[in-house]
N, C-alpha and C. Protein backbone atom coordinates (compact mmCIF):
# COMPACT_ATOMS: atom_id res chain seq x y z
N MET A 1 236.96 0.48 77.18
CA MET A 1 236.38 -0.14 76.01
C MET A 1 236.65 0.73 74.79
N LYS A 2 237.22 0.15 73.76
CA LYS A 2 237.54 0.88 72.54
C LYS A 2 236.55 0.47 71.45
N THR A 3 236.01 1.47 70.73
CA THR A 3 235.01 1.23 69.69
C THR A 3 235.56 1.58 68.33
N ALA A 4 235.34 0.69 67.36
CA ALA A 4 235.67 0.95 65.96
C ALA A 4 234.37 1.23 65.22
N ILE A 5 234.33 2.34 64.47
CA ILE A 5 233.16 2.67 63.66
C ILE A 5 233.60 2.61 62.21
N MET A 6 232.89 1.81 61.41
CA MET A 6 233.28 1.57 60.02
C MET A 6 232.15 1.95 59.09
N GLY A 7 232.44 2.84 58.15
CA GLY A 7 231.44 3.24 57.16
C GLY A 7 231.83 2.73 55.79
N PHE A 8 230.91 2.04 55.12
CA PHE A 8 231.16 1.46 53.80
C PHE A 8 230.37 2.21 52.74
N GLY A 9 230.87 2.18 51.51
CA GLY A 9 230.12 2.73 50.40
C GLY A 9 231.02 3.27 49.32
N ASN A 10 230.42 3.49 48.18
CA ASN A 10 231.12 4.03 47.02
C ASN A 10 230.76 5.50 46.88
N PRO A 11 231.72 6.39 47.07
CA PRO A 11 231.41 7.84 47.09
C PRO A 11 230.95 8.40 45.75
N VAL A 12 231.05 7.65 44.67
CA VAL A 12 230.58 8.15 43.37
C VAL A 12 229.37 7.36 42.88
N ARG A 13 228.70 6.66 43.79
CA ARG A 13 227.49 5.91 43.45
C ARG A 13 226.31 6.37 44.28
N SER A 14 226.10 7.67 44.30
CA SER A 14 224.96 8.31 44.96
C SER A 14 224.71 7.75 46.36
N ASP A 15 223.55 7.16 46.59
CA ASP A 15 223.14 6.77 47.94
C ASP A 15 223.97 5.62 48.51
N ASP A 16 224.72 4.93 47.69
CA ASP A 16 225.60 3.87 48.20
C ASP A 16 226.66 4.46 49.13
N ALA A 17 226.88 5.76 49.07
CA ALA A 17 227.90 6.43 49.89
C ALA A 17 227.42 6.77 51.29
N ILE A 18 226.29 6.25 51.72
CA ILE A 18 225.74 6.64 53.03
C ILE A 18 226.69 6.31 54.17
N GLY A 19 227.39 5.20 54.12
CA GLY A 19 228.34 4.86 55.18
C GLY A 19 229.46 5.87 55.28
N ILE A 20 229.92 6.36 54.13
CA ILE A 20 230.98 7.37 54.09
C ILE A 20 230.46 8.70 54.64
N TYR A 21 229.23 9.05 54.30
CA TYR A 21 228.61 10.27 54.82
C TYR A 21 228.56 10.23 56.34
N VAL A 22 228.11 9.11 56.91
CA VAL A 22 228.01 8.99 58.37
C VAL A 22 229.39 9.14 59.00
N ILE A 23 230.41 8.53 58.41
CA ILE A 23 231.78 8.63 58.93
C ILE A 23 232.25 10.08 58.92
N GLU A 24 231.99 10.80 57.83
CA GLU A 24 232.39 12.21 57.74
C GLU A 24 231.72 13.03 58.84
N GLN A 25 230.43 12.78 59.07
CA GLN A 25 229.70 13.52 60.11
C GLN A 25 230.28 13.21 61.50
N LEU A 26 230.57 11.94 61.75
CA LEU A 26 231.11 11.55 63.05
C LEU A 26 232.51 12.12 63.27
N ARG A 27 233.31 12.20 62.24
CA ARG A 27 234.65 12.80 62.38
C ARG A 27 234.56 14.26 62.82
N GLU A 28 233.54 14.96 62.33
CA GLU A 28 233.34 16.35 62.75
C GLU A 28 232.87 16.44 64.20
N LYS A 29 232.05 15.50 64.61
CA LYS A 29 231.43 15.56 65.94
C LYS A 29 232.25 14.86 67.03
N LEU A 30 233.21 14.02 66.64
CA LEU A 30 233.99 13.24 67.61
C LEU A 30 235.50 13.42 67.38
N PRO A 31 235.99 14.63 67.36
CA PRO A 31 237.42 14.79 67.11
C PRO A 31 238.25 14.33 68.30
N GLY A 32 239.25 13.52 68.03
CA GLY A 32 240.26 13.21 69.03
C GLY A 32 239.86 12.35 70.20
N LEU A 33 238.87 11.49 70.07
CA LEU A 33 238.54 10.59 71.16
C LEU A 33 239.48 9.39 71.13
N ASP A 34 240.13 9.12 72.25
CA ASP A 34 241.08 8.02 72.30
C ASP A 34 240.43 6.65 72.22
N ASN A 35 239.18 6.55 72.66
CA ASN A 35 238.54 5.24 72.70
C ASN A 35 237.61 4.97 71.51
N VAL A 36 237.67 5.83 70.46
CA VAL A 36 236.87 5.63 69.25
C VAL A 36 237.79 5.76 68.04
N THR A 37 237.76 4.74 67.18
CA THR A 37 238.52 4.77 65.93
C THR A 37 237.50 4.77 64.79
N ILE A 38 237.64 5.73 63.88
CA ILE A 38 236.71 5.85 62.76
C ILE A 38 237.42 5.43 61.48
N PHE A 39 236.81 4.45 60.79
CA PHE A 39 237.39 3.91 59.55
C PHE A 39 236.49 4.24 58.37
N ASP A 40 237.05 4.92 57.37
CA ASP A 40 236.38 5.12 56.09
C ASP A 40 236.73 3.90 55.25
N MET A 41 235.79 2.97 55.14
CA MET A 41 236.06 1.70 54.48
C MET A 41 235.93 1.79 52.97
N GLY A 42 235.26 2.81 52.47
CA GLY A 42 235.04 2.89 51.04
C GLY A 42 234.42 1.60 50.55
N THR A 43 235.03 1.00 49.53
CA THR A 43 234.53 -0.26 49.00
C THR A 43 235.48 -1.40 49.29
N ALA A 44 236.55 -1.15 50.03
CA ALA A 44 237.51 -2.20 50.34
C ALA A 44 237.63 -2.33 51.85
N ALA A 45 237.64 -3.56 52.33
CA ALA A 45 237.62 -3.77 53.77
C ALA A 45 238.83 -4.51 54.30
N PHE A 46 239.47 -5.31 53.51
CA PHE A 46 240.45 -6.25 54.03
C PHE A 46 241.61 -5.59 54.75
N GLU A 47 242.14 -4.48 54.20
CA GLU A 47 243.32 -3.87 54.81
C GLU A 47 243.06 -3.27 56.18
N VAL A 48 241.83 -3.05 56.52
CA VAL A 48 241.49 -2.45 57.81
C VAL A 48 241.31 -3.50 58.90
N LEU A 49 241.15 -4.74 58.51
CA LEU A 49 240.84 -5.79 59.50
C LEU A 49 241.85 -5.84 60.64
N PHE A 50 243.11 -5.66 60.33
CA PHE A 50 244.12 -5.73 61.38
C PHE A 50 244.02 -4.52 62.31
N GLY A 51 243.43 -3.43 61.85
CA GLY A 51 243.22 -2.25 62.69
C GLY A 51 242.14 -2.45 63.74
N LEU A 52 241.39 -3.53 63.64
CA LEU A 52 240.33 -3.80 64.61
C LEU A 52 240.86 -4.40 65.91
N LYS A 53 242.10 -4.87 65.88
CA LYS A 53 242.68 -5.47 67.08
C LYS A 53 242.68 -4.44 68.21
N GLY A 54 242.26 -4.87 69.38
CA GLY A 54 242.21 -3.98 70.54
C GLY A 54 240.89 -3.27 70.73
N HIS A 55 239.96 -3.43 69.80
CA HIS A 55 238.63 -2.84 69.94
C HIS A 55 237.69 -3.87 70.54
N SER A 56 236.84 -3.45 71.44
CA SER A 56 235.88 -4.37 72.04
C SER A 56 234.49 -4.21 71.44
N LYS A 57 234.33 -3.22 70.57
CA LYS A 57 233.02 -2.96 69.96
C LYS A 57 233.24 -2.48 68.54
N ILE A 58 232.37 -2.89 67.64
CA ILE A 58 232.41 -2.44 66.25
C ILE A 58 231.02 -1.95 65.87
N ILE A 59 230.96 -0.80 65.21
CA ILE A 59 229.71 -0.29 64.66
C ILE A 59 229.93 -0.13 63.16
N LEU A 60 229.07 -0.73 62.35
CA LEU A 60 229.18 -0.66 60.90
C LEU A 60 227.99 0.09 60.32
N VAL A 61 228.23 0.83 59.23
CA VAL A 61 227.17 1.55 58.53
C VAL A 61 227.32 1.28 57.04
N ASP A 62 226.22 0.89 56.40
CA ASP A 62 226.27 0.61 54.96
C ASP A 62 224.88 0.80 54.39
N ALA A 63 224.82 0.78 53.06
CA ALA A 63 223.56 0.84 52.33
C ALA A 63 223.08 -0.59 52.08
N VAL A 64 221.78 -0.73 51.87
CA VAL A 64 221.22 -2.03 51.49
C VAL A 64 220.24 -1.82 50.34
N LEU A 65 220.43 -2.58 49.27
CA LEU A 65 219.54 -2.55 48.11
C LEU A 65 218.50 -3.65 48.23
N ASN A 66 217.38 -3.47 47.55
CA ASN A 66 216.36 -4.52 47.43
C ASN A 66 215.85 -5.01 48.79
N SER A 67 215.61 -4.09 49.69
CA SER A 67 215.12 -4.49 51.02
C SER A 67 213.60 -4.60 51.05
N ASP A 68 212.94 -4.19 49.98
CA ASP A 68 211.47 -4.14 49.92
C ASP A 68 210.89 -3.16 50.92
N GLU A 69 211.69 -2.24 51.40
CA GLU A 69 211.24 -1.18 52.30
C GLU A 69 211.47 0.16 51.61
N PRO A 70 210.78 1.22 52.03
CA PRO A 70 210.98 2.54 51.41
C PRO A 70 212.43 3.02 51.56
N VAL A 71 212.89 3.76 50.57
CA VAL A 71 214.22 4.35 50.62
C VAL A 71 214.33 5.19 51.88
N GLY A 72 215.46 5.07 52.56
CA GLY A 72 215.67 5.80 53.80
C GLY A 72 215.30 5.01 55.04
N THR A 73 214.68 3.83 54.86
CA THR A 73 214.37 3.00 56.02
C THR A 73 215.67 2.58 56.69
N LEU A 74 215.69 2.71 57.99
CA LEU A 74 216.89 2.40 58.78
C LEU A 74 216.70 1.06 59.47
N PHE A 75 217.70 0.21 59.34
CA PHE A 75 217.69 -1.09 60.00
C PHE A 75 218.87 -1.14 60.96
N LYS A 76 218.64 -1.72 62.13
CA LYS A 76 219.74 -2.03 63.04
C LYS A 76 219.63 -3.53 63.29
N VAL A 77 220.64 -4.26 62.85
CA VAL A 77 220.57 -5.72 62.91
C VAL A 77 221.79 -6.29 63.61
N PRO A 78 221.63 -7.41 64.29
CA PRO A 78 222.80 -8.07 64.89
C PRO A 78 223.70 -8.60 63.78
N ALA A 79 224.98 -8.36 63.88
CA ALA A 79 225.92 -8.76 62.84
C ALA A 79 225.90 -10.26 62.61
N GLU A 80 225.73 -11.03 63.66
CA GLU A 80 225.77 -12.49 63.52
C GLU A 80 224.68 -13.00 62.57
N GLU A 81 223.60 -12.24 62.41
CA GLU A 81 222.52 -12.68 61.52
C GLU A 81 222.86 -12.50 60.06
N VAL A 82 223.84 -11.67 59.76
CA VAL A 82 224.12 -11.37 58.36
C VAL A 82 225.57 -11.64 57.92
N ILE A 83 226.38 -12.19 58.81
CA ILE A 83 227.77 -12.48 58.45
C ILE A 83 227.83 -13.66 57.49
N LYS A 84 228.61 -13.52 56.44
CA LYS A 84 228.84 -14.62 55.52
C LYS A 84 230.00 -15.46 56.04
N ALA A 85 229.95 -16.73 55.73
CA ALA A 85 231.04 -17.63 56.14
C ALA A 85 232.32 -17.22 55.43
N PRO A 86 233.47 -17.37 56.09
CA PRO A 86 234.74 -17.02 55.45
C PRO A 86 234.94 -17.83 54.18
N GLN A 87 235.52 -17.18 53.20
CA GLN A 87 235.85 -17.86 51.96
C GLN A 87 237.36 -18.04 51.94
N ASP A 88 237.79 -19.28 51.93
CA ASP A 88 239.22 -19.55 51.88
C ASP A 88 239.72 -19.52 50.45
N ASP A 89 239.22 -18.57 49.71
CA ASP A 89 239.56 -18.43 48.30
C ASP A 89 240.62 -17.35 48.16
N PRO A 90 241.82 -17.71 47.69
CA PRO A 90 242.87 -16.69 47.54
C PRO A 90 242.53 -15.63 46.50
N MET A 91 241.47 -15.84 45.75
CA MET A 91 241.11 -14.89 44.70
C MET A 91 240.11 -13.84 45.19
N VAL A 92 239.80 -13.82 46.50
CA VAL A 92 238.92 -12.77 47.03
C VAL A 92 239.74 -11.48 47.04
N PHE A 93 239.38 -10.55 46.18
CA PHE A 93 240.14 -9.31 46.05
C PHE A 93 239.62 -8.25 47.01
N LEU A 94 240.48 -7.32 47.34
CA LEU A 94 240.14 -6.28 48.31
C LEU A 94 238.88 -5.52 47.93
N HIS A 95 238.77 -5.10 46.69
CA HIS A 95 237.63 -4.28 46.32
C HIS A 95 236.36 -5.11 46.11
N GLY A 96 236.46 -6.42 46.20
CA GLY A 96 235.30 -7.26 46.02
C GLY A 96 234.71 -7.74 47.33
N MET A 97 235.24 -7.32 48.44
CA MET A 97 234.79 -7.81 49.74
C MET A 97 233.85 -6.80 50.40
N LYS A 98 232.72 -7.29 50.88
CA LYS A 98 231.79 -6.45 51.62
C LYS A 98 232.02 -6.65 53.10
N TRP A 99 231.34 -5.85 53.93
CA TRP A 99 231.61 -5.88 55.37
C TRP A 99 231.25 -7.21 56.00
N ASP A 100 230.22 -7.90 55.50
CA ASP A 100 229.86 -9.18 56.11
C ASP A 100 230.98 -10.21 55.92
N GLN A 101 231.60 -10.19 54.75
CA GLN A 101 232.76 -11.05 54.53
C GLN A 101 233.95 -10.58 55.36
N ALA A 102 234.11 -9.26 55.44
CA ALA A 102 235.24 -8.71 56.21
C ALA A 102 235.15 -9.12 57.67
N LEU A 103 233.93 -9.11 58.23
CA LEU A 103 233.78 -9.53 59.63
C LEU A 103 234.13 -11.00 59.81
N SER A 104 233.75 -11.82 58.85
CA SER A 104 234.06 -13.24 58.98
C SER A 104 235.57 -13.46 58.93
N TYR A 105 236.27 -12.70 58.09
CA TYR A 105 237.73 -12.79 58.06
C TYR A 105 238.34 -12.25 59.34
N ALA A 106 237.77 -11.14 59.85
CA ALA A 106 238.29 -10.57 61.10
C ALA A 106 238.16 -11.58 62.23
N LYS A 107 237.05 -12.29 62.26
CA LYS A 107 236.83 -13.29 63.30
C LYS A 107 237.90 -14.38 63.21
N LYS A 108 238.23 -14.75 62.00
CA LYS A 108 239.24 -15.78 61.77
C LYS A 108 240.64 -15.27 62.14
N ILE A 109 240.93 -14.02 61.80
CA ILE A 109 242.26 -13.44 62.05
C ILE A 109 242.46 -13.10 63.52
N LEU A 110 241.46 -12.46 64.14
CA LEU A 110 241.60 -11.98 65.52
C LEU A 110 241.33 -13.05 66.57
N GLN A 111 240.63 -14.09 66.20
CA GLN A 111 240.29 -15.21 67.08
C GLN A 111 239.73 -14.74 68.41
N ASP A 112 240.43 -14.95 69.52
CA ASP A 112 239.91 -14.59 70.85
C ASP A 112 239.76 -13.09 71.04
N GLU A 113 240.43 -12.29 70.21
CA GLU A 113 240.35 -10.83 70.34
C GLU A 113 239.23 -10.23 69.48
N TYR A 114 238.46 -11.08 68.84
CA TYR A 114 237.35 -10.61 68.01
C TYR A 114 236.27 -10.02 68.92
N PRO A 115 235.84 -8.78 68.65
CA PRO A 115 234.85 -8.12 69.51
C PRO A 115 233.53 -8.88 69.53
N LYS A 116 232.92 -8.93 70.68
CA LYS A 116 231.62 -9.58 70.84
C LYS A 116 230.47 -8.61 70.54
N ASP A 117 230.71 -7.32 70.73
CA ASP A 117 229.68 -6.30 70.55
C ASP A 117 229.80 -5.69 69.16
N ILE A 118 228.96 -6.14 68.24
CA ILE A 118 228.98 -5.63 66.87
C ILE A 118 227.58 -5.19 66.50
N GLN A 119 227.46 -3.94 66.06
CA GLN A 119 226.18 -3.38 65.67
C GLN A 119 226.25 -3.00 64.20
N VAL A 120 225.18 -3.26 63.48
CA VAL A 120 225.14 -2.97 62.04
C VAL A 120 223.94 -2.07 61.75
N TYR A 121 224.21 -0.93 61.15
CA TYR A 121 223.16 -0.03 60.69
C TYR A 121 223.13 -0.10 59.16
N LEU A 122 221.96 -0.39 58.62
CA LEU A 122 221.78 -0.43 57.17
C LEU A 122 220.70 0.56 56.79
N VAL A 123 220.92 1.27 55.68
CA VAL A 123 219.95 2.24 55.18
C VAL A 123 219.48 1.76 53.82
N ALA A 124 218.17 1.62 53.66
CA ALA A 124 217.60 1.19 52.39
C ALA A 124 217.84 2.26 51.33
N ILE A 125 218.32 1.83 50.16
CA ILE A 125 218.57 2.75 49.05
C ILE A 125 218.05 2.14 47.75
N GLU A 126 217.95 2.98 46.73
CA GLU A 126 217.65 2.53 45.36
C GLU A 126 218.66 3.10 44.38
N ASN A 127 219.05 4.35 44.61
CA ASN A 127 219.88 5.05 43.63
C ASN A 127 221.36 4.74 43.81
N THR A 128 221.92 4.04 42.84
CA THR A 128 223.37 3.81 42.82
C THR A 128 223.96 4.31 41.50
N LYS A 129 223.31 5.33 40.94
CA LYS A 129 223.80 5.92 39.69
C LYS A 129 225.13 6.61 39.93
N LEU A 130 225.84 6.86 38.87
CA LEU A 130 227.14 7.53 38.93
C LEU A 130 226.91 9.01 39.25
N GLU A 131 226.78 9.30 40.55
CA GLU A 131 226.54 10.64 41.06
C GLU A 131 227.27 10.78 42.38
N VAL A 132 227.59 12.01 42.78
CA VAL A 132 228.30 12.21 44.04
C VAL A 132 227.42 12.73 45.16
N ASN A 133 226.14 12.94 44.90
CA ASN A 133 225.25 13.47 45.94
C ASN A 133 224.31 12.41 46.46
N LEU A 134 224.06 12.46 47.77
CA LEU A 134 223.06 11.60 48.37
C LEU A 134 221.68 12.21 48.16
N SER A 135 220.66 11.37 48.07
CA SER A 135 219.30 11.88 48.03
C SER A 135 218.96 12.42 49.43
N ASN A 136 218.01 13.32 49.49
CA ASN A 136 217.65 13.92 50.78
C ASN A 136 217.16 12.89 51.78
N VAL A 137 216.34 11.95 51.33
CA VAL A 137 215.77 10.97 52.25
C VAL A 137 216.86 10.05 52.82
N VAL A 138 217.85 9.70 52.03
CA VAL A 138 218.94 8.85 52.52
C VAL A 138 219.85 9.66 53.44
N LYS A 139 220.08 10.92 53.10
CA LYS A 139 220.89 11.77 53.98
C LYS A 139 220.21 11.93 55.35
N GLU A 140 218.88 12.10 55.36
CA GLU A 140 218.15 12.19 56.63
C GLU A 140 218.32 10.91 57.45
N ALA A 141 218.26 9.76 56.77
CA ALA A 141 218.47 8.48 57.46
C ALA A 141 219.89 8.42 58.02
N GLY A 142 220.86 8.91 57.25
CA GLY A 142 222.24 8.96 57.73
C GLY A 142 222.38 9.82 58.97
N ASN A 143 221.67 10.93 58.99
CA ASN A 143 221.72 11.80 60.18
C ASN A 143 221.13 11.08 61.40
N LYS A 144 220.10 10.25 61.17
CA LYS A 144 219.54 9.46 62.28
C LYS A 144 220.55 8.45 62.78
N VAL A 145 221.29 7.83 61.85
CA VAL A 145 222.33 6.87 62.25
C VAL A 145 223.38 7.58 63.10
N VAL A 146 223.81 8.76 62.67
CA VAL A 146 224.79 9.54 63.42
C VAL A 146 224.27 9.77 64.84
N GLN A 147 223.01 10.18 64.98
CA GLN A 147 222.43 10.43 66.30
C GLN A 147 222.42 9.16 67.15
N HIS A 148 222.02 8.04 66.55
CA HIS A 148 222.00 6.76 67.29
C HIS A 148 223.40 6.41 67.78
N ILE A 149 224.39 6.59 66.93
CA ILE A 149 225.77 6.25 67.31
C ILE A 149 226.26 7.18 68.41
N LEU A 150 225.99 8.47 68.28
CA LEU A 150 226.41 9.43 69.31
C LEU A 150 225.76 9.09 70.65
N GLU A 151 224.48 8.75 70.63
CA GLU A 151 223.79 8.36 71.87
C GLU A 151 224.42 7.10 72.46
N ASP A 152 224.70 6.13 71.61
CA ASP A 152 225.32 4.89 72.05
C ASP A 152 226.69 5.16 72.67
N LEU A 153 227.48 6.00 72.02
CA LEU A 153 228.82 6.30 72.54
C LEU A 153 228.75 7.08 73.84
N ASN A 154 227.79 7.98 73.96
CA ASN A 154 227.64 8.74 75.21
C ASN A 154 227.35 7.81 76.39
N GLN A 155 226.65 6.73 76.10
CA GLN A 155 226.35 5.75 77.16
C GLN A 155 227.59 4.93 77.51
N SER A 156 228.51 4.77 76.54
CA SER A 156 229.64 3.88 76.80
C SER A 156 230.94 4.63 77.08
N ILE A 157 230.96 5.96 76.93
CA ILE A 157 232.17 6.73 77.19
C ILE A 157 232.21 7.09 78.67
N PRO A 158 233.26 6.67 79.38
CA PRO A 158 233.35 7.05 80.79
C PRO A 158 233.51 8.55 80.94
N THR A 159 232.86 9.11 81.95
CA THR A 159 232.94 10.57 82.17
C THR A 159 233.84 10.87 83.34
């Protein structure tokens, strides 16, 4: 079983970069695993969709605004509950696509090879100011996401 881990966010928009932070931490802790592919999605997702072929599991990490929960609250939600329907609009630009749209396109592109096991981790944020540092509370939530993913992978990595 091959797992794709995708972190989304804007690295110059403070806490919006939580997905990128998680990816950086996982790259340090999971060097060279053949059955795990780590994607730094930044703010563009479309070009990576074809890289998902051959993966049976996807783990996504992103920030969520306006959740009505305290900053740093961690959500783990089934992807099917939050996927947007594909937009057959040729004007959907790479930098304008979020992961929920990207998954809907991946489903359309990969068809029968689309992974059934998709996990989404969202971290509640407020600060998206033009800054390069994460707040401490969001960074702590990111560290929890890293731990959850490592535990999940330990269960699914054959020994």
